[in-house]
Amino acid sequence: MKKLLTTMAVLAAFSLSGPVFATDATCDAQAAEKKLSGAAKTSFVKKCTKDATDAATKTCDAQAAEKKLAGAAKTSFTKKCVTDATAPPKS
């Protein structure tokens, strides 16, 4: 239930304010907050990044469906959308 609520919050935030999914830097910061190091940190960052990418993919697929995209257009849109959503913030 907690994971579902977290996913819903992330998706809601994405739809309201643009890309907010975790990047490697965000996941590294979370690992540092938890004082993780070594294999535990590596595992945490890998899972965090994968979860963020999965959530971004679901959101981008939904946006592609709203735009009624199919085939190569959908693939291209989704790929760019996920890349934009999970890219590190520009300074």
N, C-alpha and C. Protein backbone atom coordinates (compact mmCIF):
# COMPACT_ATOMS: atom_id res chain seq x y z
N MET A 1 0.83 -1.18 0.00
CA MET A 1 0.00 0.00 0.00
C MET A 1 0.87 1.25 0.00
N LYS A 2 1.92 1.24 0.83
CA LYS A 2 2.81 2.40 0.90
C LYS A 2 3.47 2.66 -0.45
N LYS A 3 3.88 1.58 -1.13
CA LYS A 3 4.53 1.73 -2.44
C LYS A 3 3.55 2.32 -3.45
N LEU A 4 2.30 1.88 -3.40
CA LEU A 4 1.27 2.40 -4.30
C LEU A 4 1.06 3.89 -4.07
N LEU A 5 0.97 4.30 -2.81
CA LEU A 5 0.78 5.71 -2.50
C LEU A 5 1.97 6.54 -2.95
N THR A 6 3.18 6.01 -2.77
CA THR A 6 4.38 6.71 -3.20
C THR A 6 4.37 6.87 -4.71
N THR A 7 4.04 5.81 -5.42
CA THR A 7 3.99 5.87 -6.88
C THR A 7 2.94 6.88 -7.34
N MET A 8 1.79 6.88 -6.69
CA MET A 8 0.75 7.83 -7.06
C MET A 8 1.21 9.26 -6.81
N ALA A 9 1.90 9.49 -5.70
CA ALA A 9 2.40 10.84 -5.39
C ALA A 9 3.41 11.29 -6.43
N VAL A 10 4.30 10.38 -6.83
CA VAL A 10 5.31 10.72 -7.84
C VAL A 10 4.63 11.04 -9.17
N LEU A 11 3.66 10.23 -9.55
CA LEU A 11 2.96 10.48 -10.81
C LEU A 11 2.18 11.78 -10.76
N ALA A 12 1.57 12.08 -9.64
CA ALA A 12 0.83 13.33 -9.51
C ALA A 12 1.79 14.52 -9.59
N ALA A 13 2.90 14.42 -8.92
CA ALA A 13 3.88 15.51 -8.97
C ALA A 13 4.40 15.70 -10.38
N PHE A 14 4.63 14.60 -11.09
CA PHE A 14 5.12 14.68 -12.46
C PHE A 14 4.12 15.39 -13.35
N SER A 15 2.86 15.06 -13.18
CA SER A 15 1.85 15.66 -14.05
C SER A 15 1.65 17.14 -13.73
N LEU A 16 1.95 17.56 -12.51
CA LEU A 16 1.76 18.95 -12.13
C LEU A 16 2.96 19.83 -12.42
N SER A 17 4.17 19.29 -12.25
CA SER A 17 5.34 20.16 -12.32
C SER A 17 6.42 19.70 -13.27
N GLY A 18 6.16 18.73 -14.09
CA GLY A 18 7.19 18.25 -15.01
C GLY A 18 7.99 17.12 -14.38
N PRO A 19 9.13 16.80 -14.98
CA PRO A 19 9.92 15.67 -14.53
C PRO A 19 10.43 15.82 -13.10
N VAL A 20 10.14 14.81 -12.27
CA VAL A 20 10.61 14.83 -10.90
C VAL A 20 11.17 13.47 -10.47
N PHE A 21 11.45 12.62 -11.42
CA PHE A 21 11.91 11.29 -11.08
C PHE A 21 13.36 11.32 -10.63
N ALA A 22 13.71 10.35 -9.83
CA ALA A 22 15.05 10.28 -9.26
C ALA A 22 16.11 10.05 -10.33
N THR A 23 17.23 10.69 -10.14
CA THR A 23 18.38 10.48 -10.99
C THR A 23 19.44 9.80 -10.15
N ASP A 24 20.54 9.42 -10.78
CA ASP A 24 21.63 8.82 -10.01
C ASP A 24 22.06 9.73 -8.88
N ALA A 25 22.11 11.04 -9.15
CA ALA A 25 22.53 12.00 -8.13
C ALA A 25 21.52 12.02 -6.97
N THR A 26 20.23 11.98 -7.29
CA THR A 26 19.21 11.97 -6.26
C THR A 26 19.30 10.68 -5.44
N CYS A 27 19.49 9.58 -6.13
CA CYS A 27 19.60 8.29 -5.43
C CYS A 27 20.87 8.25 -4.57
N ASP A 28 21.95 8.82 -5.07
CA ASP A 28 23.19 8.90 -4.28
C ASP A 28 22.96 9.72 -3.02
N ALA A 29 22.23 10.82 -3.16
CA ALA A 29 21.94 11.66 -2.01
C ALA A 29 21.10 10.91 -0.97
N GLN A 30 20.13 10.15 -1.46
CA GLN A 30 19.29 9.36 -0.55
C GLN A 30 20.13 8.30 0.15
N ALA A 31 21.06 7.68 -0.58
CA ALA A 31 21.94 6.68 0.02
C ALA A 31 22.82 7.31 1.08
N ALA A 32 23.30 8.52 0.82
CA ALA A 32 24.13 9.23 1.80
C ALA A 32 23.33 9.56 3.05
N GLU A 33 22.06 9.97 2.86
CA GLU A 33 21.18 10.25 4.00
C GLU A 33 21.02 9.02 4.88
N LYS A 34 20.95 7.87 4.23
CA LYS A 34 20.78 6.60 4.96
C LYS A 34 22.11 6.05 5.44
N LYS A 35 23.18 6.77 5.13
CA LYS A 35 24.55 6.39 5.53
C LYS A 35 24.92 5.00 5.01
N LEU A 36 24.55 4.75 3.74
CA LEU A 36 24.89 3.48 3.10
C LEU A 36 26.25 3.60 2.44
N SER A 37 26.97 2.49 2.36
CA SER A 37 28.24 2.47 1.66
C SER A 37 28.47 1.07 1.10
N GLY A 38 29.42 0.97 0.20
CA GLY A 38 29.79 -0.32 -0.38
C GLY A 38 28.67 -0.95 -1.17
N ALA A 39 28.52 -2.26 -0.99
CA ALA A 39 27.53 -3.02 -1.75
C ALA A 39 26.10 -2.58 -1.44
N ALA A 40 25.84 -2.20 -0.21
CA ALA A 40 24.49 -1.75 0.16
C ALA A 40 24.13 -0.47 -0.61
N LYS A 41 25.09 0.45 -0.72
CA LYS A 41 24.85 1.70 -1.45
C LYS A 41 24.64 1.40 -2.94
N THR A 42 25.49 0.55 -3.50
CA THR A 42 25.39 0.20 -4.92
C THR A 42 24.03 -0.42 -5.22
N SER A 43 23.60 -1.34 -4.38
CA SER A 43 22.31 -2.00 -4.55
C SER A 43 21.16 -1.00 -4.43
N PHE A 44 21.24 -0.13 -3.42
CA PHE A 44 20.19 0.87 -3.21
C PHE A 44 20.07 1.81 -4.41
N VAL A 45 21.21 2.33 -4.88
CA VAL A 45 21.20 3.27 -6.01
C VAL A 45 20.67 2.59 -7.27
N LYS A 46 21.06 1.34 -7.49
CA LYS A 46 20.59 0.61 -8.67
C LYS A 46 19.07 0.43 -8.63
N LYS A 47 18.54 0.03 -7.46
CA LYS A 47 17.10 -0.18 -7.33
C LYS A 47 16.35 1.15 -7.42
N CYS A 48 16.87 2.17 -6.79
CA CYS A 48 16.26 3.50 -6.82
C CYS A 48 16.15 4.01 -8.26
N THR A 49 17.23 3.89 -9.00
CA THR A 49 17.25 4.36 -10.39
C THR A 49 16.28 3.55 -11.25
N LYS A 50 16.26 2.22 -11.05
CA LYS A 50 15.34 1.37 -11.82
C LYS A 50 13.89 1.72 -11.51
N ASP A 51 13.59 1.91 -10.23
CA ASP A 51 12.22 2.26 -9.85
C ASP A 51 11.80 3.59 -10.48
N ALA A 52 12.71 4.56 -10.50
CA ALA A 52 12.41 5.86 -11.09
C ALA A 52 12.17 5.73 -12.59
N THR A 53 13.00 4.93 -13.24
CA THR A 53 12.84 4.72 -14.69
C THR A 53 11.52 4.02 -14.99
N ASP A 54 11.18 3.02 -14.18
CA ASP A 54 9.91 2.31 -14.37
C ASP A 54 8.72 3.25 -14.20
N ALA A 55 8.76 4.10 -13.17
CA ALA A 55 7.67 5.04 -12.93
C ALA A 55 7.58 6.05 -14.07
N ALA A 56 8.72 6.52 -14.55
CA ALA A 56 8.74 7.47 -15.67
C ALA A 56 8.17 6.82 -16.93
N THR A 57 8.53 5.57 -17.16
CA THR A 57 8.03 4.85 -18.34
C THR A 57 6.51 4.74 -18.30
N LYS A 58 5.96 4.40 -17.13
CA LYS A 58 4.50 4.29 -17.02
C LYS A 58 3.83 5.62 -17.31
N THR A 59 4.39 6.68 -16.75
CA THR A 59 3.82 8.01 -16.96
C THR A 59 3.92 8.43 -18.42
N CYS A 60 5.07 8.18 -19.02
CA CYS A 60 5.28 8.56 -20.42
C CYS A 60 4.39 7.74 -21.35
N ASP A 61 4.20 6.46 -21.04
CA ASP A 61 3.29 5.63 -21.83
C ASP A 61 1.86 6.17 -21.76
N ALA A 62 1.47 6.62 -20.57
CA ALA A 62 0.13 7.19 -20.41
C ALA A 62 -0.01 8.47 -21.22
N GLN A 63 1.04 9.30 -21.22
CA GLN A 63 1.01 10.53 -22.01
C GLN A 63 0.94 10.21 -23.51
N ALA A 64 1.66 9.18 -23.93
CA ALA A 64 1.63 8.79 -25.34
C ALA A 64 0.23 8.30 -25.72
N ALA A 65 -0.42 7.58 -24.81
CA ALA A 65 -1.78 7.11 -25.07
C ALA A 65 -2.75 8.28 -25.18
N GLU A 66 -2.57 9.29 -24.30
CA GLU A 66 -3.43 10.48 -24.37
C GLU A 66 -3.29 11.19 -25.71
N LYS A 67 -2.07 11.17 -26.25
CA LYS A 67 -1.81 11.81 -27.54
C LYS A 67 -2.14 10.90 -28.71
N LYS A 68 -2.61 9.68 -28.39
CA LYS A 68 -2.98 8.68 -29.39
C LYS A 68 -1.83 8.33 -30.33
N LEU A 69 -0.62 8.22 -29.73
CA LEU A 69 0.56 7.85 -30.52
C LEU A 69 0.64 6.34 -30.61
N ALA A 70 1.21 5.85 -31.71
CA ALA A 70 1.37 4.41 -31.90
C ALA A 70 2.64 4.17 -32.71
N GLY A 71 3.14 2.96 -32.63
CA GLY A 71 4.30 2.56 -33.43
C GLY A 71 5.55 3.35 -33.10
N ALA A 72 6.25 3.76 -34.15
CA ALA A 72 7.53 4.45 -33.99
C ALA A 72 7.36 5.80 -33.29
N ALA A 73 6.26 6.47 -33.51
CA ALA A 73 6.02 7.76 -32.85
C ALA A 73 5.91 7.58 -31.34
N LYS A 74 5.20 6.53 -30.92
CA LYS A 74 5.05 6.25 -29.50
C LYS A 74 6.41 5.88 -28.89
N THR A 75 7.14 5.03 -29.58
CA THR A 75 8.46 4.61 -29.09
C THR A 75 9.39 5.80 -28.94
N SER A 76 9.43 6.65 -29.94
CA SER A 76 10.29 7.81 -29.91
C SER A 76 9.88 8.77 -28.80
N PHE A 77 8.58 9.04 -28.69
CA PHE A 77 8.08 9.93 -27.64
C PHE A 77 8.42 9.40 -26.25
N THR A 78 8.15 8.11 -26.04
CA THR A 78 8.39 7.51 -24.73
C THR A 78 9.87 7.54 -24.37
N LYS A 79 10.73 7.21 -25.33
CA LYS A 79 12.17 7.21 -25.07
C LYS A 79 12.65 8.60 -24.66
N LYS A 80 12.23 9.63 -25.40
CA LYS A 80 12.64 11.00 -25.08
C LYS A 80 12.05 11.44 -23.75
N CYS A 81 10.81 11.12 -23.52
CA CYS A 81 10.12 11.49 -22.29
C CYS A 81 10.83 10.89 -21.07
N VAL A 82 11.16 9.61 -21.13
CA VAL A 82 11.84 8.94 -20.01
C VAL A 82 13.24 9.54 -19.81
N THR A 83 13.94 9.79 -20.90
CA THR A 83 15.27 10.38 -20.79
C THR A 83 15.20 11.76 -20.14
N ASP A 84 14.24 12.57 -20.57
CA ASP A 84 14.07 13.90 -19.99
C ASP A 84 13.70 13.83 -18.51
N ALA A 85 12.82 12.88 -18.17
CA ALA A 85 12.34 12.77 -16.80
C ALA A 85 13.40 12.27 -15.84
N THR A 86 14.33 11.47 -16.32
CA THR A 86 15.33 10.89 -15.42
C THR A 86 16.70 11.53 -15.58
N ALA A 87 16.80 12.55 -16.43
CA ALA A 87 18.09 13.23 -16.62
C ALA A 87 18.42 14.07 -15.39
N PRO A 88 19.70 14.24 -15.12
CA PRO A 88 20.07 15.10 -13.98
C PRO A 88 19.60 16.52 -14.23
N PRO A 89 19.24 17.22 -13.17
CA PRO A 89 18.77 18.60 -13.36
C PRO A 89 19.87 19.48 -13.93
N LYS A 90 19.48 20.41 -14.80
CA LYS A 90 20.45 21.33 -15.39
C LYS A 90 20.64 22.50 -14.44
N SER A 91 21.88 22.91 -14.28
CA SER A 91 22.15 24.00 -13.35
C SER A 91 21.97 25.35 -13.95
